[in-house]
N, C-alpha and C. Protein backbone atom coordinates (compact mmCIF):
# COMPACT_ATOMS: atom_id res chain seq x y z
N MET A 1 21.96 13.10 -4.80
CA MET A 1 20.61 12.70 -4.44
C MET A 1 19.75 13.94 -4.24
N ASN A 2 20.27 14.99 -3.63
CA ASN A 2 19.58 16.26 -3.45
C ASN A 2 18.22 16.11 -2.76
N GLU A 3 18.19 15.29 -1.73
CA GLU A 3 16.96 15.08 -0.98
C GLU A 3 16.70 16.27 -0.07
N LYS A 4 15.48 16.76 -0.09
CA LYS A 4 15.11 17.91 0.72
C LYS A 4 14.34 17.45 1.96
N PHE A 5 14.15 18.39 2.85
CA PHE A 5 13.44 18.11 4.11
C PHE A 5 12.07 17.51 3.84
N ARG A 6 11.38 18.04 2.86
CA ARG A 6 10.04 17.55 2.52
C ARG A 6 10.09 16.07 2.12
N HIS A 7 11.13 15.67 1.39
CA HIS A 7 11.26 14.27 0.99
C HIS A 7 11.50 13.39 2.21
N ARG A 8 12.33 13.86 3.13
CA ARG A 8 12.60 13.09 4.36
C ARG A 8 11.34 12.98 5.21
N GLU A 9 10.58 14.08 5.28
CA GLU A 9 9.31 14.03 6.02
C GLU A 9 8.37 13.00 5.41
N ALA A 10 8.28 13.02 4.09
CA ALA A 10 7.41 12.06 3.40
C ALA A 10 7.88 10.64 3.66
N PHE A 11 9.20 10.43 3.63
CA PHE A 11 9.74 9.10 3.91
C PHE A 11 9.40 8.66 5.34
N GLU A 12 9.58 9.54 6.31
CA GLU A 12 9.28 9.19 7.71
C GLU A 12 7.79 8.86 7.88
N TYR A 13 6.94 9.60 7.20
CA TYR A 13 5.50 9.31 7.26
C TYR A 13 5.23 7.95 6.62
N PHE A 14 5.84 7.72 5.46
CA PHE A 14 5.72 6.43 4.77
C PHE A 14 6.18 5.30 5.69
N LEU A 15 7.28 5.51 6.39
CA LEU A 15 7.80 4.53 7.32
C LEU A 15 6.82 4.29 8.46
N SER A 16 6.20 5.35 8.95
CA SER A 16 5.23 5.21 10.05
C SER A 16 4.01 4.39 9.63
N LEU A 17 3.76 4.33 8.32
CA LEU A 17 2.65 3.52 7.81
C LEU A 17 3.04 2.05 7.67
N GLY A 18 4.28 1.75 7.96
CA GLY A 18 4.77 0.38 7.88
C GLY A 18 5.84 0.20 6.83
N GLY A 19 6.00 1.19 5.96
CA GLY A 19 7.07 1.13 4.96
C GLY A 19 6.82 0.17 3.82
N GLY A 20 5.60 -0.30 3.69
CA GLY A 20 5.29 -1.22 2.60
C GLY A 20 4.92 -0.44 1.34
N ALA A 21 5.40 -0.91 0.20
CA ALA A 21 5.14 -0.23 -1.07
C ALA A 21 3.78 -0.68 -1.62
N SER A 22 2.73 -0.26 -0.95
CA SER A 22 1.39 -0.64 -1.38
C SER A 22 0.67 0.58 -1.95
N ALA A 23 -0.36 0.31 -2.71
CA ALA A 23 -1.17 1.40 -3.28
C ALA A 23 -1.79 2.22 -2.17
N LYS A 24 -2.19 1.57 -1.09
CA LYS A 24 -2.81 2.26 0.04
C LYS A 24 -1.84 3.27 0.66
N ASN A 25 -0.60 2.83 0.91
CA ASN A 25 0.40 3.73 1.49
C ASN A 25 0.76 4.85 0.52
N CYS A 26 0.83 4.51 -0.75
CA CYS A 26 1.11 5.52 -1.78
C CYS A 26 0.05 6.61 -1.74
N THR A 27 -1.20 6.21 -1.69
CA THR A 27 -2.31 7.17 -1.67
C THR A 27 -2.25 8.03 -0.42
N LYS A 28 -1.98 7.43 0.73
CA LYS A 28 -1.92 8.19 1.99
C LYS A 28 -0.80 9.23 1.96
N VAL A 29 0.38 8.84 1.49
CA VAL A 29 1.50 9.77 1.42
C VAL A 29 1.18 10.89 0.42
N ALA A 30 0.65 10.51 -0.73
CA ALA A 30 0.31 11.50 -1.76
C ALA A 30 -0.70 12.51 -1.23
N GLN A 31 -1.70 12.04 -0.52
CA GLN A 31 -2.71 12.96 0.03
C GLN A 31 -2.12 13.87 1.09
N LYS A 32 -1.35 13.30 2.01
CA LYS A 32 -0.80 14.09 3.11
C LYS A 32 0.15 15.17 2.60
N PHE A 33 0.96 14.85 1.59
CA PHE A 33 1.95 15.81 1.10
C PHE A 33 1.52 16.53 -0.17
N GLN A 34 0.25 16.31 -0.53
CA GLN A 34 -0.36 16.98 -1.68
C GLN A 34 0.49 16.83 -2.94
N ILE A 35 0.78 15.59 -3.25
CA ILE A 35 1.54 15.24 -4.46
C ILE A 35 0.76 14.18 -5.21
N SER A 36 1.14 13.95 -6.43
CA SER A 36 0.49 12.88 -7.20
C SER A 36 1.08 11.53 -6.80
N GLU A 37 0.35 10.49 -7.11
CA GLU A 37 0.87 9.15 -6.83
C GLU A 37 2.10 8.87 -7.68
N ARG A 38 2.15 9.43 -8.86
CA ARG A 38 3.33 9.28 -9.71
C ARG A 38 4.55 9.91 -9.03
N THR A 39 4.36 11.09 -8.42
CA THR A 39 5.46 11.75 -7.70
C THR A 39 5.91 10.88 -6.53
N PHE A 40 4.93 10.29 -5.82
CA PHE A 40 5.28 9.38 -4.73
C PHE A 40 6.22 8.30 -5.25
N TRP A 41 5.87 7.61 -6.35
CA TRP A 41 6.68 6.52 -6.87
C TRP A 41 8.03 7.02 -7.36
N ASN A 42 8.06 8.23 -7.89
CA ASN A 42 9.35 8.80 -8.29
C ASN A 42 10.26 8.99 -7.08
N TRP A 43 9.69 9.53 -6.01
CA TRP A 43 10.46 9.72 -4.78
C TRP A 43 10.90 8.37 -4.22
N TYR A 44 9.99 7.43 -4.23
CA TYR A 44 10.25 6.09 -3.71
C TYR A 44 11.50 5.51 -4.39
N LYS A 45 11.55 5.64 -5.70
CA LYS A 45 12.69 5.10 -6.45
C LYS A 45 13.93 5.98 -6.30
N LYS A 46 13.76 7.28 -6.48
CA LYS A 46 14.89 8.20 -6.50
C LYS A 46 15.65 8.21 -5.16
N TYR A 47 14.90 8.14 -4.07
CA TYR A 47 15.52 8.25 -2.74
C TYR A 47 15.67 6.90 -2.03
N ASN A 48 15.52 5.83 -2.82
CA ASN A 48 15.79 4.46 -2.31
C ASN A 48 15.01 4.12 -1.04
N TRP A 49 13.73 4.40 -1.06
CA TRP A 49 12.94 4.18 0.15
C TRP A 49 12.88 2.72 0.56
N ARG A 50 12.84 1.80 -0.38
CA ARG A 50 12.78 0.38 -0.01
C ARG A 50 14.02 -0.01 0.77
N GLU A 51 15.20 0.37 0.25
CA GLU A 51 16.45 0.04 0.93
C GLU A 51 16.54 0.74 2.28
N ARG A 52 16.05 1.96 2.34
CA ARG A 52 16.10 2.70 3.60
C ARG A 52 15.19 2.09 4.66
N VAL A 53 14.04 1.57 4.23
CA VAL A 53 13.14 0.87 5.16
C VAL A 53 13.84 -0.37 5.70
N GLU A 54 14.47 -1.12 4.82
CA GLU A 54 15.19 -2.33 5.25
C GLU A 54 16.31 -1.98 6.21
N GLN A 55 17.05 -0.91 5.91
CA GLN A 55 18.15 -0.49 6.78
C GLN A 55 17.63 -0.07 8.14
N ARG A 56 16.52 0.66 8.16
CA ARG A 56 15.93 1.10 9.42
C ARG A 56 15.47 -0.10 10.24
N ASP A 57 14.90 -1.09 9.56
CA ASP A 57 14.48 -2.30 10.26
C ASP A 57 15.66 -3.00 10.92
N ILE A 58 16.78 -3.05 10.19
CA ILE A 58 17.99 -3.68 10.73
C ILE A 58 18.48 -2.91 11.95
N GLU A 59 18.51 -1.58 11.84
CA GLU A 59 18.97 -0.74 12.96
C GLU A 59 18.06 -0.90 14.18
N ASN A 60 16.76 -0.93 13.94
CA ASN A 60 15.81 -1.10 15.05
C ASN A 60 15.95 -2.47 15.69
N ALA A 61 16.19 -3.49 14.88
CA ALA A 61 16.37 -4.83 15.43
C ALA A 61 17.61 -4.90 16.30
N LYS A 62 18.69 -4.22 15.87
CA LYS A 62 19.92 -4.20 16.68
C LYS A 62 19.69 -3.49 18.01
N LYS A 63 18.97 -2.36 17.97
CA LYS A 63 18.67 -1.63 19.21
C LYS A 63 17.84 -2.49 20.15
N LEU A 64 16.84 -3.16 19.59
CA LEU A 64 15.99 -4.02 20.41
C LEU A 64 16.80 -5.17 21.00
N GLU A 65 17.69 -5.73 20.20
CA GLU A 65 18.53 -6.84 20.68
C GLU A 65 19.40 -6.38 21.86
N LYS A 66 19.96 -5.18 21.77
CA LYS A 66 20.78 -4.66 22.86
C LYS A 66 19.95 -4.48 24.13
N LYS A 67 18.73 -3.97 23.98
CA LYS A 67 17.86 -3.77 25.14
C LYS A 67 17.50 -5.11 25.78
N VAL A 68 17.19 -6.08 24.95
CA VAL A 68 16.83 -7.41 25.46
C VAL A 68 18.03 -8.05 26.16
N ASP A 69 19.20 -7.95 25.53
CA ASP A 69 20.41 -8.50 26.14
C ASP A 69 20.68 -7.86 27.50
N LYS A 70 20.53 -6.55 27.58
CA LYS A 70 20.75 -5.85 28.85
C LYS A 70 19.74 -6.29 29.91
N ALA A 71 18.49 -6.46 29.50
CA ALA A 71 17.45 -6.91 30.44
C ALA A 71 17.76 -8.31 30.94
N ILE A 72 18.24 -9.17 30.06
CA ILE A 72 18.58 -10.54 30.46
C ILE A 72 19.74 -10.53 31.45
N VAL A 73 20.76 -9.76 31.15
CA VAL A 73 21.92 -9.67 32.05
C VAL A 73 21.48 -9.16 33.43
N ASN A 74 20.64 -8.14 33.44
CA ASN A 74 20.15 -7.59 34.71
C ASN A 74 19.31 -8.60 35.48
N SER A 75 18.47 -9.33 34.76
CA SER A 75 17.65 -10.36 35.42
C SER A 75 18.51 -11.45 36.02
N LYS A 76 19.53 -11.87 35.27
CA LYS A 76 20.43 -12.90 35.80
C LYS A 76 21.14 -12.39 37.05
N ALA A 77 21.57 -11.14 37.03
CA ALA A 77 22.24 -10.58 38.20
C ALA A 77 21.30 -10.55 39.40
N ASP A 78 20.05 -10.19 39.16
CA ASP A 78 19.06 -10.17 40.25
C ASP A 78 18.84 -11.58 40.81
N TYR A 79 18.71 -12.56 39.91
CA TYR A 79 18.51 -13.94 40.35
C TYR A 79 19.72 -14.44 41.14
N ARG A 80 20.91 -14.12 40.65
CA ARG A 80 22.12 -14.56 41.35
C ARG A 80 22.20 -13.94 42.74
N ALA A 81 21.83 -12.67 42.86
CA ALA A 81 21.84 -12.00 44.16
C ALA A 81 20.85 -12.68 45.10
N LEU A 82 19.68 -13.01 44.58
CA LEU A 82 18.67 -13.70 45.39
C LEU A 82 19.15 -15.08 45.82
N ILE A 83 19.76 -15.80 44.89
CA ILE A 83 20.28 -17.14 45.22
C ILE A 83 21.34 -17.03 46.31
N LYS A 84 22.22 -16.05 46.20
CA LYS A 84 23.26 -15.87 47.21
C LYS A 84 22.64 -15.58 48.58
N LYS A 85 21.58 -14.78 48.62
CA LYS A 85 20.91 -14.49 49.89
C LYS A 85 20.29 -15.75 50.49
N VAL A 86 19.66 -16.54 49.63
CA VAL A 86 19.03 -17.78 50.11
C VAL A 86 20.10 -18.73 50.64
N VAL A 87 21.18 -18.86 49.89
CA VAL A 87 22.27 -19.74 50.33
C VAL A 87 22.87 -19.23 51.63
N LYS A 88 23.06 -17.92 51.76
CA LYS A 88 23.62 -17.32 52.98
C LYS A 88 22.70 -17.57 54.17
N ALA A 89 21.39 -17.37 53.97
CA ALA A 89 20.44 -17.62 55.05
C ALA A 89 20.45 -19.09 55.46
N PHE A 90 20.52 -19.97 54.47
CA PHE A 90 20.59 -21.39 54.74
C PHE A 90 21.86 -21.71 55.52
N GLU A 91 22.98 -21.14 55.09
CA GLU A 91 24.26 -21.37 55.74
C GLU A 91 24.23 -20.88 57.20
N ASP A 92 23.68 -19.71 57.43
CA ASP A 92 23.59 -19.16 58.78
C ASP A 92 22.76 -20.06 59.69
N LYS A 93 21.62 -20.53 59.19
CA LYS A 93 20.76 -21.41 59.99
C LYS A 93 21.43 -22.76 60.23
N LEU A 94 22.16 -23.22 59.24
CA LEU A 94 22.88 -24.49 59.37
C LEU A 94 23.95 -24.38 60.46
N LYS A 95 24.71 -23.27 60.42
CA LYS A 95 25.77 -23.06 61.42
C LYS A 95 25.19 -22.90 62.83
N ALA A 96 24.02 -22.29 62.92
CA ALA A 96 23.38 -22.07 64.22
C ALA A 96 22.69 -23.34 64.73
N GLY A 97 22.68 -24.37 63.93
CA GLY A 97 22.06 -25.62 64.34
C GLY A 97 20.54 -25.59 64.24
N LYS A 98 19.99 -24.60 63.55
CA LYS A 98 18.53 -24.49 63.43
C LYS A 98 17.96 -25.42 62.37
N ILE A 99 18.81 -25.83 61.45
CA ILE A 99 18.35 -26.79 60.43
C ILE A 99 19.42 -27.85 60.24
N ARG A 100 18.98 -28.96 59.71
CA ARG A 100 19.89 -30.02 59.35
C ARG A 100 19.63 -30.39 57.90
N ILE A 101 20.68 -30.78 57.25
CA ILE A 101 20.52 -31.18 55.85
C ILE A 101 19.96 -32.59 55.82
N SER A 102 18.74 -32.68 55.31
CA SER A 102 18.13 -34.00 55.18
C SER A 102 18.13 -34.43 53.71
N LYS A 103 18.12 -33.43 52.84
CA LYS A 103 18.14 -33.73 51.41
C LYS A 103 19.24 -32.88 50.76
N PRO A 104 20.38 -33.45 50.49
CA PRO A 104 21.45 -32.70 49.84
C PRO A 104 21.07 -32.18 48.45
N GLU A 105 20.03 -32.79 47.87
CA GLU A 105 19.59 -32.36 46.54
C GLU A 105 19.18 -30.89 46.52
N ASP A 106 18.63 -30.41 47.65
CA ASP A 106 18.19 -29.01 47.70
C ASP A 106 19.37 -28.06 47.52
N LEU A 107 20.45 -28.34 48.21
CA LEU A 107 21.65 -27.51 48.07
C LEU A 107 22.24 -27.67 46.67
N ASN A 108 22.17 -28.86 46.15
CA ASN A 108 22.67 -29.14 44.80
C ASN A 108 21.90 -28.32 43.76
N VAL A 109 20.60 -28.22 43.93
CA VAL A 109 19.77 -27.45 43.01
C VAL A 109 20.20 -25.98 43.02
N MET A 110 20.43 -25.43 44.20
CA MET A 110 20.84 -24.03 44.30
C MET A 110 22.21 -23.82 43.66
N ALA A 111 23.13 -24.75 43.89
CA ALA A 111 24.47 -24.63 43.31
C ALA A 111 24.40 -24.69 41.78
N LYS A 112 23.59 -25.61 41.25
CA LYS A 112 23.45 -25.72 39.80
C LYS A 112 22.81 -24.46 39.21
N LEU A 113 21.83 -23.91 39.89
CA LEU A 113 21.18 -22.69 39.41
C LEU A 113 22.18 -21.54 39.35
N ASP A 114 23.02 -21.45 40.38
CA ASP A 114 24.05 -20.41 40.39
C ASP A 114 25.02 -20.60 39.23
N LEU A 115 25.44 -21.83 39.00
CA LEU A 115 26.35 -22.10 37.88
C LEU A 115 25.71 -21.76 36.53
N LEU A 116 24.44 -22.12 36.37
CA LEU A 116 23.74 -21.81 35.13
C LEU A 116 23.67 -20.31 34.89
N MET A 117 23.41 -19.55 35.94
CA MET A 117 23.31 -18.10 35.82
C MET A 117 24.65 -17.47 35.42
N MET A 118 25.74 -18.16 35.75
CA MET A 118 27.07 -17.67 35.37
C MET A 118 27.46 -18.17 33.98
N GLY A 119 26.58 -18.99 33.37
CA GLY A 119 26.89 -19.53 32.05
C GLY A 119 27.79 -20.75 32.09
N GLU A 120 27.89 -21.35 33.25
CA GLU A 120 28.75 -22.53 33.41
C GLU A 120 27.94 -23.80 33.23
N SER A 121 28.64 -24.87 32.95
CA SER A 121 28.01 -26.18 32.82
C SER A 121 27.71 -26.73 34.20
N THR A 122 26.61 -27.46 34.29
CA THR A 122 26.25 -28.07 35.58
C THR A 122 26.49 -29.58 35.58
N GLU A 123 26.90 -30.08 34.46
CA GLU A 123 27.15 -31.51 34.35
C GLU A 123 28.58 -31.72 33.87
N LYS A 124 29.15 -32.81 34.29
CA LYS A 124 30.49 -33.15 33.83
C LYS A 124 30.41 -33.48 32.35
N GLN A 125 31.34 -32.91 31.62
CA GLN A 125 31.35 -33.15 30.18
C GLN A 125 32.56 -33.98 29.81
N ASP A 126 32.35 -34.87 28.87
CA ASP A 126 33.45 -35.70 28.38
C ASP A 126 34.31 -34.86 27.45
N THR A 127 35.55 -34.64 27.85
CA THR A 127 36.43 -33.80 27.05
C THR A 127 37.46 -34.62 26.29
N ASN A 128 37.30 -35.93 26.33
CA ASN A 128 38.24 -36.78 25.59
C ASN A 128 37.96 -36.67 24.10
N ILE A 129 39.01 -36.70 23.35
CA ILE A 129 38.88 -36.64 21.90
C ILE A 129 39.26 -38.01 21.36
N TYR A 130 38.36 -38.56 20.61
CA TYR A 130 38.61 -39.88 20.06
C TYR A 130 38.96 -39.73 18.58
N VAL A 131 40.05 -40.34 18.18
CA VAL A 131 40.51 -40.26 16.81
C VAL A 131 40.62 -41.67 16.26
N THR A 132 40.07 -41.84 15.10
CA THR A 132 40.18 -43.15 14.45
C THR A 132 41.20 -43.03 13.35
N ILE A 133 42.17 -43.91 13.38
CA ILE A 133 43.21 -43.90 12.36
C ILE A 133 43.07 -45.16 11.53
N GLU A 134 42.90 -44.95 10.25
CA GLU A 134 42.80 -46.10 9.36
C GLU A 134 44.17 -46.33 8.73
N LYS A 135 44.56 -47.59 8.70
CA LYS A 135 45.83 -47.93 8.07
C LYS A 135 45.62 -48.03 6.57
N ASP A 136 46.64 -47.62 5.85
CA ASP A 136 46.58 -47.70 4.40
C ASP A 136 46.51 -49.18 3.99
N LYS A 137 45.65 -49.44 3.08
CA LYS A 137 45.56 -50.82 2.55
C LYS A 137 46.43 -50.88 1.31
N GLU A 138 47.35 -51.78 1.33
CA GLU A 138 48.26 -51.89 0.18
C GLU A 138 47.93 -53.06 -0.66
């Protein structure tokens, strides 16, 4: 391939323009690197810029996905910690006789929220497997 630093710089600039193979981007790259538009298209083909743009997009999407996943995990941990504090405070007041349970639904909501944050089911699921067997007709 024999790609030089100048070609990589041109590619990075092209990528910063959005990486689209348009006449506008071609003109901008050609002007910035003082090359002809024909040279731009030669580089585009020779150094596989289209495929490299696609690959970079895939890599960036993976990085973004990891960041989002980490943020979600951290948020869930924060919510679970808060739920535990609320439940603990409720439990302490209940033991001290400062409150009475008038609506069990409130505690149920907190328990379900905690289960959801752990990725658990909050409803009973039917785990029976039903199989229908057809007899051979002779």
